[in-house]
């Protein structure tokens, strides 16, 4: 029996504070709850989902290199790195499997500085504004056969 395909769910700065950080913007689900729900949906979809969080830009870049080297699909919530980290963008551009950018809130309905994503242009797609449901939509998109994905 072969192991299920691995998927990395990578979270940037402050996402480990879900549930306590601005629940009116980011929802009341804790980070542990997000991990549990992503892992459970991954199992349902036939994936081995590994959820990680870091406040360290260099660590996130190393994880994206790991994904590229292993041809691992990625669900990426870059957090604040979204808007300015060209190093993260360049690491994401090296992807060798789908990479879906996710955001809990809708950045376009928020402060103007949040309207720019340096990652979006190198991502397979972006899902935003659905709370933790953004992660579920992203994981479900990875379960679609490649020929059914937009842009394929």
N, C-alpha and C. Protein backbone atom coordinates (compact mmCIF):
# COMPACT_ATOMS: atom_id res chain seq x y z
N UNK A 1 0.84 -1.18 0.00
CA UNK A 1 0.00 0.00 0.00
C UNK A 1 0.89 1.25 0.00
N UNK A 2 0.57 2.21 -0.83
CA UNK A 2 1.37 3.43 -0.92
C UNK A 2 0.85 4.46 0.08
N UNK A 3 1.74 5.30 0.52
CA UNK A 3 1.38 6.37 1.46
C UNK A 3 0.57 7.42 0.73
N UNK A 4 -0.34 8.08 1.44
CA UNK A 4 -1.11 9.16 0.79
C UNK A 4 -0.19 10.32 0.43
N UNK A 5 -0.53 11.07 -0.59
CA UNK A 5 0.29 12.23 -0.96
C UNK A 5 0.36 13.25 0.18
N UNK A 6 1.56 13.80 0.39
CA UNK A 6 1.75 14.83 1.41
C UNK A 6 1.35 16.19 0.87
N UNK A 7 0.73 16.98 1.72
CA UNK A 7 0.41 18.37 1.44
C UNK A 7 0.86 19.19 2.64
N UNK A 8 1.59 20.26 2.36
CA UNK A 8 2.00 21.18 3.42
C UNK A 8 1.03 22.35 3.49
N UNK A 9 0.55 22.64 4.68
CA UNK A 9 -0.26 23.83 4.94
C UNK A 9 0.63 24.74 5.77
N UNK A 10 1.11 25.81 5.15
CA UNK A 10 2.11 26.68 5.77
C UNK A 10 1.49 28.02 6.14
N UNK A 11 1.72 28.42 7.38
CA UNK A 11 1.13 29.65 7.91
C UNK A 11 2.22 30.59 8.40
N UNK A 12 2.07 31.86 8.03
CA UNK A 12 3.03 32.88 8.40
C UNK A 12 2.73 33.55 9.72
N UNK A 13 3.28 34.75 9.91
CA UNK A 13 3.28 35.42 11.21
C UNK A 13 1.89 35.66 11.77
N UNK A 14 1.82 35.45 13.07
CA UNK A 14 0.64 35.71 13.91
C UNK A 14 -0.49 34.71 13.75
N UNK A 15 -0.36 33.76 12.83
CA UNK A 15 -1.46 32.81 12.64
C UNK A 15 -1.56 31.79 13.77
N UNK A 16 -0.48 31.62 14.52
CA UNK A 16 -0.54 30.77 15.70
C UNK A 16 -1.42 31.36 16.79
N UNK A 17 -1.83 32.61 16.63
CA UNK A 17 -2.67 33.29 17.62
C UNK A 17 -4.14 33.30 17.23
N UNK A 18 -4.49 32.47 16.24
CA UNK A 18 -5.90 32.39 15.84
C UNK A 18 -6.78 32.08 17.05
N UNK A 19 -7.96 32.64 17.04
CA UNK A 19 -8.89 32.44 18.14
C UNK A 19 -8.81 33.55 19.17
N UNK A 20 -7.60 34.11 19.36
CA UNK A 20 -7.45 35.21 20.31
C UNK A 20 -7.09 36.51 19.60
N UNK A 21 -6.57 36.43 18.40
CA UNK A 21 -6.16 37.62 17.66
C UNK A 21 -7.33 38.13 16.82
N UNK A 22 -7.83 39.28 17.13
CA UNK A 22 -8.89 39.94 16.36
C UNK A 22 -9.94 38.95 15.84
N UNK A 23 -10.68 38.31 16.75
CA UNK A 23 -11.66 37.31 16.30
C UNK A 23 -12.73 37.88 15.36
N UNK A 24 -12.98 39.19 15.44
CA UNK A 24 -13.95 39.80 14.52
C UNK A 24 -13.42 39.80 13.08
N UNK A 25 -12.11 39.72 12.90
CA UNK A 25 -11.51 39.67 11.56
C UNK A 25 -11.15 38.24 11.18
N UNK A 26 -10.53 37.49 12.11
CA UNK A 26 -9.94 36.19 11.79
C UNK A 26 -10.75 35.00 12.31
N UNK A 27 -11.85 35.26 13.01
CA UNK A 27 -12.70 34.18 13.51
C UNK A 27 -12.28 33.70 14.88
N UNK A 28 -13.06 32.80 15.43
CA UNK A 28 -12.84 32.33 16.80
C UNK A 28 -12.20 30.95 16.86
N UNK A 29 -11.99 30.30 15.72
CA UNK A 29 -11.33 29.00 15.73
C UNK A 29 -9.87 29.18 16.13
N UNK A 30 -9.42 28.36 17.07
CA UNK A 30 -8.03 28.43 17.51
C UNK A 30 -7.11 27.83 16.45
N UNK A 31 -5.82 28.09 16.61
CA UNK A 31 -4.85 27.48 15.69
C UNK A 31 -4.92 25.96 15.79
N UNK A 32 -5.03 25.44 17.01
CA UNK A 32 -5.15 23.98 17.20
C UNK A 32 -6.39 23.46 16.47
N UNK A 33 -7.47 24.22 16.51
CA UNK A 33 -8.69 23.84 15.80
C UNK A 33 -8.47 23.83 14.29
N UNK A 34 -7.73 24.81 13.79
CA UNK A 34 -7.41 24.85 12.36
C UNK A 34 -6.60 23.62 11.96
N UNK A 35 -5.59 23.30 12.76
CA UNK A 35 -4.75 22.13 12.48
C UNK A 35 -5.61 20.87 12.44
N UNK A 36 -6.44 20.71 13.44
CA UNK A 36 -7.30 19.52 13.54
C UNK A 36 -8.23 19.41 12.33
N UNK A 37 -8.85 20.50 11.95
CA UNK A 37 -9.82 20.46 10.84
C UNK A 37 -9.14 20.27 9.49
N UNK A 38 -7.97 20.88 9.28
CA UNK A 38 -7.24 20.68 8.02
C UNK A 38 -6.75 19.23 7.91
N UNK A 39 -6.25 18.69 9.02
CA UNK A 39 -5.76 17.32 9.03
C UNK A 39 -6.90 16.34 8.74
N UNK A 40 -8.06 16.57 9.37
CA UNK A 40 -9.22 15.70 9.16
C UNK A 40 -9.72 15.76 7.72
N UNK A 41 -9.80 16.97 7.16
CA UNK A 41 -10.24 17.09 5.77
C UNK A 41 -9.21 16.45 4.85
N UNK A 42 -7.94 16.62 5.15
CA UNK A 42 -6.90 15.98 4.35
C UNK A 42 -7.09 14.47 4.30
N UNK A 43 -7.34 13.86 5.45
CA UNK A 43 -7.58 12.41 5.49
C UNK A 43 -8.77 12.04 4.62
N UNK A 44 -9.84 12.82 4.72
CA UNK A 44 -11.04 12.57 3.92
C UNK A 44 -10.72 12.65 2.42
N UNK A 45 -9.83 13.55 2.05
CA UNK A 45 -9.46 13.74 0.64
C UNK A 45 -8.34 12.81 0.18
N UNK A 46 -7.79 12.04 1.11
CA UNK A 46 -6.72 11.11 0.77
C UNK A 46 -5.33 11.70 0.85
N UNK A 47 -5.17 12.78 1.63
CA UNK A 47 -3.88 13.46 1.78
C UNK A 47 -3.32 13.23 3.19
N UNK A 48 -2.02 13.30 3.29
CA UNK A 48 -1.33 13.39 4.57
C UNK A 48 -0.97 14.87 4.73
N UNK A 49 -1.79 15.59 5.49
CA UNK A 49 -1.63 17.03 5.64
C UNK A 49 -0.78 17.34 6.85
N UNK A 50 0.24 18.16 6.64
CA UNK A 50 1.09 18.64 7.72
C UNK A 50 0.93 20.15 7.80
N UNK A 51 0.47 20.63 8.94
CA UNK A 51 0.22 22.06 9.15
C UNK A 51 1.36 22.64 9.99
N UNK A 52 1.92 23.74 9.51
CA UNK A 52 3.03 24.41 10.20
C UNK A 52 2.74 25.90 10.30
N UNK A 53 3.36 26.54 11.31
CA UNK A 53 3.23 27.98 11.49
C UNK A 53 4.56 28.53 11.94
N UNK A 54 4.91 29.71 11.42
CA UNK A 54 6.15 30.37 11.83
C UNK A 54 5.98 31.88 11.76
N UNK A 55 6.72 32.55 12.63
CA UNK A 55 6.83 34.00 12.57
C UNK A 55 8.14 34.40 11.90
N UNK A 56 8.88 33.41 11.41
CA UNK A 56 10.23 33.60 10.87
C UNK A 56 10.21 33.45 9.35
N UNK A 57 10.51 34.52 8.66
CA UNK A 57 10.50 34.52 7.20
C UNK A 57 11.48 33.49 6.62
N UNK A 58 12.66 33.37 7.20
CA UNK A 58 13.66 32.43 6.70
C UNK A 58 13.17 30.98 6.83
N UNK A 59 12.50 30.68 7.92
CA UNK A 59 11.97 29.33 8.10
C UNK A 59 10.90 29.03 7.04
N UNK A 60 10.03 29.99 6.78
CA UNK A 60 9.00 29.80 5.75
C UNK A 60 9.65 29.55 4.39
N UNK A 61 10.70 30.27 4.08
CA UNK A 61 11.41 30.07 2.81
C UNK A 61 12.00 28.67 2.74
N UNK A 62 12.59 28.20 3.85
CA UNK A 62 13.12 26.83 3.88
C UNK A 62 12.02 25.81 3.63
N UNK A 63 10.84 26.03 4.20
CA UNK A 63 9.72 25.11 3.99
C UNK A 63 9.27 25.10 2.53
N UNK A 64 9.27 26.27 1.89
CA UNK A 64 8.90 26.33 0.48
C UNK A 64 9.95 25.63 -0.38
N UNK A 65 11.22 25.73 -0.01
CA UNK A 65 12.27 24.99 -0.73
C UNK A 65 12.06 23.49 -0.55
N UNK A 66 11.73 23.06 0.67
CA UNK A 66 11.44 21.65 0.93
C UNK A 66 10.29 21.16 0.05
N UNK A 67 9.24 21.97 -0.07
CA UNK A 67 8.10 21.60 -0.90
C UNK A 67 8.51 21.51 -2.37
N UNK A 68 9.29 22.47 -2.84
CA UNK A 68 9.74 22.44 -4.24
C UNK A 68 10.61 21.22 -4.50
N UNK A 69 11.54 20.94 -3.59
CA UNK A 69 12.45 19.80 -3.77
C UNK A 69 11.70 18.47 -3.74
N UNK A 70 10.60 18.41 -2.98
CA UNK A 70 9.82 17.17 -2.85
C UNK A 70 8.59 17.13 -3.72
N UNK A 71 8.39 18.14 -4.58
CA UNK A 71 7.18 18.24 -5.41
C UNK A 71 5.92 18.11 -4.57
N UNK A 72 5.90 18.82 -3.44
CA UNK A 72 4.76 18.76 -2.52
C UNK A 72 3.81 19.92 -2.77
N UNK A 73 2.51 19.64 -2.89
CA UNK A 73 1.54 20.73 -2.97
C UNK A 73 1.54 21.53 -1.66
N UNK A 74 1.23 22.81 -1.78
CA UNK A 74 1.25 23.72 -0.64
C UNK A 74 -0.02 24.54 -0.60
N UNK A 75 -0.58 24.66 0.61
CA UNK A 75 -1.58 25.67 0.92
C UNK A 75 -0.83 26.67 1.77
N UNK A 76 -0.76 27.91 1.31
CA UNK A 76 0.10 28.92 1.94
C UNK A 76 -0.70 30.13 2.38
N UNK A 77 -0.68 30.39 3.68
CA UNK A 77 -1.18 31.66 4.20
C UNK A 77 0.05 32.44 4.66
N UNK A 78 0.55 33.33 3.81
CA UNK A 78 1.79 34.04 4.15
C UNK A 78 1.62 35.10 5.23
N UNK A 79 0.39 35.37 5.66
CA UNK A 79 0.18 36.43 6.64
C UNK A 79 0.72 37.74 6.09
N UNK A 80 1.33 38.53 6.94
CA UNK A 80 1.85 39.84 6.52
C UNK A 80 2.94 39.74 5.47
N UNK A 81 3.62 38.59 5.37
CA UNK A 81 4.64 38.43 4.32
C UNK A 81 4.03 38.60 2.93
N UNK A 82 2.74 38.39 2.81
CA UNK A 82 2.01 38.51 1.54
C UNK A 82 2.34 39.81 0.82
N UNK A 83 2.45 40.87 1.58
CA UNK A 83 2.44 42.21 1.01
C UNK A 83 3.82 42.77 0.68
N UNK A 84 4.89 42.11 1.16
CA UNK A 84 6.20 42.73 0.96
C UNK A 84 7.37 41.77 0.80
N UNK A 85 7.17 40.48 1.04
CA UNK A 85 8.33 39.58 1.06
C UNK A 85 8.64 39.04 -0.34
N UNK A 86 9.54 39.73 -1.00
CA UNK A 86 9.97 39.26 -2.32
C UNK A 86 10.77 37.97 -2.20
N UNK A 87 11.44 37.77 -1.08
CA UNK A 87 12.17 36.52 -0.86
C UNK A 87 11.19 35.35 -0.79
N UNK A 88 10.06 35.55 -0.10
CA UNK A 88 9.03 34.51 -0.04
C UNK A 88 8.43 34.27 -1.41
N UNK A 89 8.18 35.34 -2.13
CA UNK A 89 7.64 35.23 -3.50
C UNK A 89 8.58 34.44 -4.38
N UNK A 90 9.89 34.71 -4.29
CA UNK A 90 10.86 34.00 -5.11
C UNK A 90 10.92 32.52 -4.73
N UNK A 91 10.79 32.20 -3.45
CA UNK A 91 10.76 30.80 -3.02
C UNK A 91 9.49 30.11 -3.54
N UNK A 92 8.36 30.80 -3.47
CA UNK A 92 7.10 30.23 -3.97
C UNK A 92 7.16 30.02 -5.48
N UNK A 93 7.87 30.88 -6.19
CA UNK A 93 7.99 30.76 -7.64
C UNK A 93 8.72 29.49 -8.06
N UNK A 94 9.48 28.89 -7.16
CA UNK A 94 10.22 27.67 -7.46
C UNK A 94 9.37 26.42 -7.33
N UNK A 95 8.09 26.59 -7.07
CA UNK A 95 7.21 25.45 -6.82
C UNK A 95 7.25 24.45 -7.96
N UNK A 96 7.09 23.18 -7.61
CA UNK A 96 7.06 22.09 -8.59
C UNK A 96 5.75 21.32 -8.48
N UNK A 97 4.82 21.86 -7.73
CA UNK A 97 3.48 21.30 -7.53
C UNK A 97 2.56 22.48 -7.26
N UNK A 98 1.24 22.27 -7.25
CA UNK A 98 0.34 23.40 -7.01
C UNK A 98 0.61 24.09 -5.67
N UNK A 99 0.44 25.40 -5.67
CA UNK A 99 0.55 26.21 -4.47
C UNK A 99 -0.66 27.13 -4.46
N UNK A 100 -1.48 27.01 -3.42
CA UNK A 100 -2.68 27.83 -3.29
C UNK A 100 -2.49 28.81 -2.15
N UNK A 101 -2.55 30.08 -2.45
CA UNK A 101 -2.46 31.14 -1.45
C UNK A 101 -3.82 31.27 -0.78
N UNK A 102 -3.83 31.34 0.55
CA UNK A 102 -5.09 31.50 1.28
C UNK A 102 -5.01 32.67 2.25
N UNK A 103 -6.17 33.25 2.49
CA UNK A 103 -6.32 34.30 3.51
C UNK A 103 -7.66 34.12 4.19
N UNK A 104 -7.67 34.28 5.49
CA UNK A 104 -8.91 34.16 6.26
C UNK A 104 -9.87 35.29 5.93
N UNK A 105 -9.36 36.50 5.90
CA UNK A 105 -10.18 37.67 5.57
C UNK A 105 -10.03 37.99 4.09
N UNK A 106 -10.82 38.92 3.63
CA UNK A 106 -10.71 39.40 2.25
C UNK A 106 -9.79 40.62 2.27
N UNK A 107 -8.54 40.46 1.82
CA UNK A 107 -7.60 41.59 1.89
C UNK A 107 -8.09 42.83 1.15
N UNK A 108 -8.90 42.66 0.13
CA UNK A 108 -9.37 43.80 -0.67
C UNK A 108 -10.46 44.60 0.04
N UNK A 109 -11.01 44.05 1.12
CA UNK A 109 -12.01 44.75 1.91
C UNK A 109 -11.39 45.40 3.14
N UNK A 110 -10.07 45.40 3.19
CA UNK A 110 -9.36 45.91 4.36
C UNK A 110 -8.46 47.08 3.98
N UNK A 111 -7.48 47.38 4.80
CA UNK A 111 -6.59 48.52 4.56
C UNK A 111 -5.92 48.38 3.19
N UNK A 112 -5.63 49.54 2.59
CA UNK A 112 -5.08 49.54 1.24
C UNK A 112 -3.77 48.77 1.12
N UNK A 113 -2.91 48.81 2.15
CA UNK A 113 -1.63 48.10 2.04
C UNK A 113 -1.83 46.60 1.89
N UNK A 114 -2.98 46.08 2.29
CA UNK A 114 -3.27 44.65 2.16
C UNK A 114 -3.76 44.26 0.76
N UNK A 115 -3.98 45.22 -0.10
CA UNK A 115 -4.53 44.93 -1.43
C UNK A 115 -3.49 44.33 -2.37
N UNK A 116 -2.22 44.40 -2.03
CA UNK A 116 -1.17 43.87 -2.89
C UNK A 116 -0.62 42.57 -2.33
N UNK A 117 -0.60 41.53 -3.17
CA UNK A 117 0.05 40.27 -2.81
C UNK A 117 1.20 40.06 -3.77
N UNK A 118 2.42 39.95 -3.23
CA UNK A 118 3.56 39.65 -4.09
C UNK A 118 3.61 38.16 -4.41
N UNK A 119 2.81 37.35 -3.71
CA UNK A 119 2.80 35.90 -3.90
C UNK A 119 1.79 35.47 -4.98
N UNK A 120 0.70 36.21 -5.12
CA UNK A 120 -0.40 35.79 -5.99
C UNK A 120 0.03 35.45 -7.41
N UNK A 121 0.94 36.21 -7.97
CA UNK A 121 1.34 36.01 -9.36
C UNK A 121 2.07 34.68 -9.60
N UNK A 122 2.61 34.08 -8.54
CA UNK A 122 3.33 32.81 -8.71
C UNK A 122 2.56 31.64 -8.10
N UNK A 123 1.38 31.91 -7.56
CA UNK A 123 0.54 30.86 -6.97
C UNK A 123 -0.35 30.25 -8.06
N UNK A 124 -0.79 29.04 -7.83
CA UNK A 124 -1.75 28.40 -8.74
C UNK A 124 -3.10 29.11 -8.67
N UNK A 125 -3.43 29.61 -7.48
CA UNK A 125 -4.68 30.32 -7.26
C UNK A 125 -4.69 30.90 -5.86
N UNK A 126 -5.70 31.71 -5.60
CA UNK A 126 -5.85 32.35 -4.30
C UNK A 126 -7.29 32.17 -3.82
N UNK A 127 -7.45 31.85 -2.53
CA UNK A 127 -8.76 31.75 -1.90
C UNK A 127 -8.72 32.68 -0.69
N UNK A 128 -9.67 33.60 -0.61
CA UNK A 128 -9.66 34.58 0.48
C UNK A 128 -11.07 34.95 0.89
N UNK A 129 -11.20 35.27 2.17
CA UNK A 129 -12.44 35.85 2.66
C UNK A 129 -13.44 34.87 3.24
N UNK A 130 -13.09 33.61 3.36
CA UNK A 130 -14.04 32.61 3.84
C UNK A 130 -13.66 32.06 5.22
N UNK A 131 -12.90 32.83 5.98
CA UNK A 131 -12.46 32.35 7.28
C UNK A 131 -11.64 31.08 7.11
N UNK A 132 -11.75 30.15 8.07
CA UNK A 132 -10.98 28.92 7.92
C UNK A 132 -11.48 28.09 6.75
N UNK A 133 -12.66 28.40 6.26
CA UNK A 133 -13.16 27.75 5.05
C UNK A 133 -12.26 27.99 3.85
N UNK A 134 -11.47 29.07 3.87
CA UNK A 134 -10.52 29.31 2.77
C UNK A 134 -9.53 28.14 2.66
N UNK A 135 -9.11 27.60 3.81
CA UNK A 135 -8.20 26.45 3.80
C UNK A 135 -8.89 25.23 3.21
N UNK A 136 -10.15 25.03 3.55
CA UNK A 136 -10.87 23.84 3.07
C UNK A 136 -11.07 23.91 1.56
N UNK A 137 -11.39 25.10 1.05
CA UNK A 137 -11.54 25.27 -0.40
C UNK A 137 -10.21 25.01 -1.10
N UNK A 138 -9.13 25.48 -0.51
CA UNK A 138 -7.80 25.27 -1.10
C UNK A 138 -7.45 23.78 -1.12
N UNK A 139 -7.68 23.08 0.00
CA UNK A 139 -7.39 21.64 0.04
C UNK A 139 -8.25 20.89 -0.97
N UNK A 140 -9.52 21.25 -1.06
CA UNK A 140 -10.40 20.58 -2.04
C UNK A 140 -9.92 20.84 -3.46
N UNK A 141 -9.39 22.03 -3.73
CA UNK A 141 -8.89 22.31 -5.08
C UNK A 141 -7.72 21.41 -5.43
N UNK A 142 -6.91 21.05 -4.43
CA UNK A 142 -5.77 20.17 -4.68
C UNK A 142 -6.21 18.74 -4.96
N UNK A 143 -7.42 18.39 -4.54
CA UNK A 143 -7.93 17.04 -4.77
C UNK A 143 -8.49 16.88 -6.19
N UNK A 144 -8.72 17.99 -6.88
CA UNK A 144 -9.21 17.94 -8.25
C UNK A 144 -8.12 17.41 -9.18
N UNK A 145 -8.48 16.55 -10.11
CA UNK A 145 -7.47 16.14 -11.11
C UNK A 145 -6.92 17.36 -11.84
N UNK A 146 -5.65 17.31 -12.17
CA UNK A 146 -4.98 18.47 -12.79
C UNK A 146 -5.72 18.96 -14.03
N UNK A 147 -6.26 18.05 -14.82
CA UNK A 147 -6.92 18.49 -16.05
C UNK A 147 -8.22 19.25 -15.80
N UNK A 148 -8.76 19.17 -14.57
CA UNK A 148 -9.98 19.90 -14.24
C UNK A 148 -9.71 21.22 -13.54
N UNK A 149 -8.44 21.48 -13.20
CA UNK A 149 -8.10 22.74 -12.54
C UNK A 149 -8.09 23.86 -13.56
N UNK A 150 -8.55 25.02 -13.17
CA UNK A 150 -8.46 26.17 -14.07
C UNK A 150 -7.02 26.41 -14.48
N UNK A 151 -6.84 26.80 -15.70
CA UNK A 151 -5.51 27.09 -16.21
C UNK A 151 -4.71 25.88 -16.63
N UNK A 152 -5.30 24.69 -16.51
CA UNK A 152 -4.57 23.47 -16.92
C UNK A 152 -4.80 23.16 -18.37
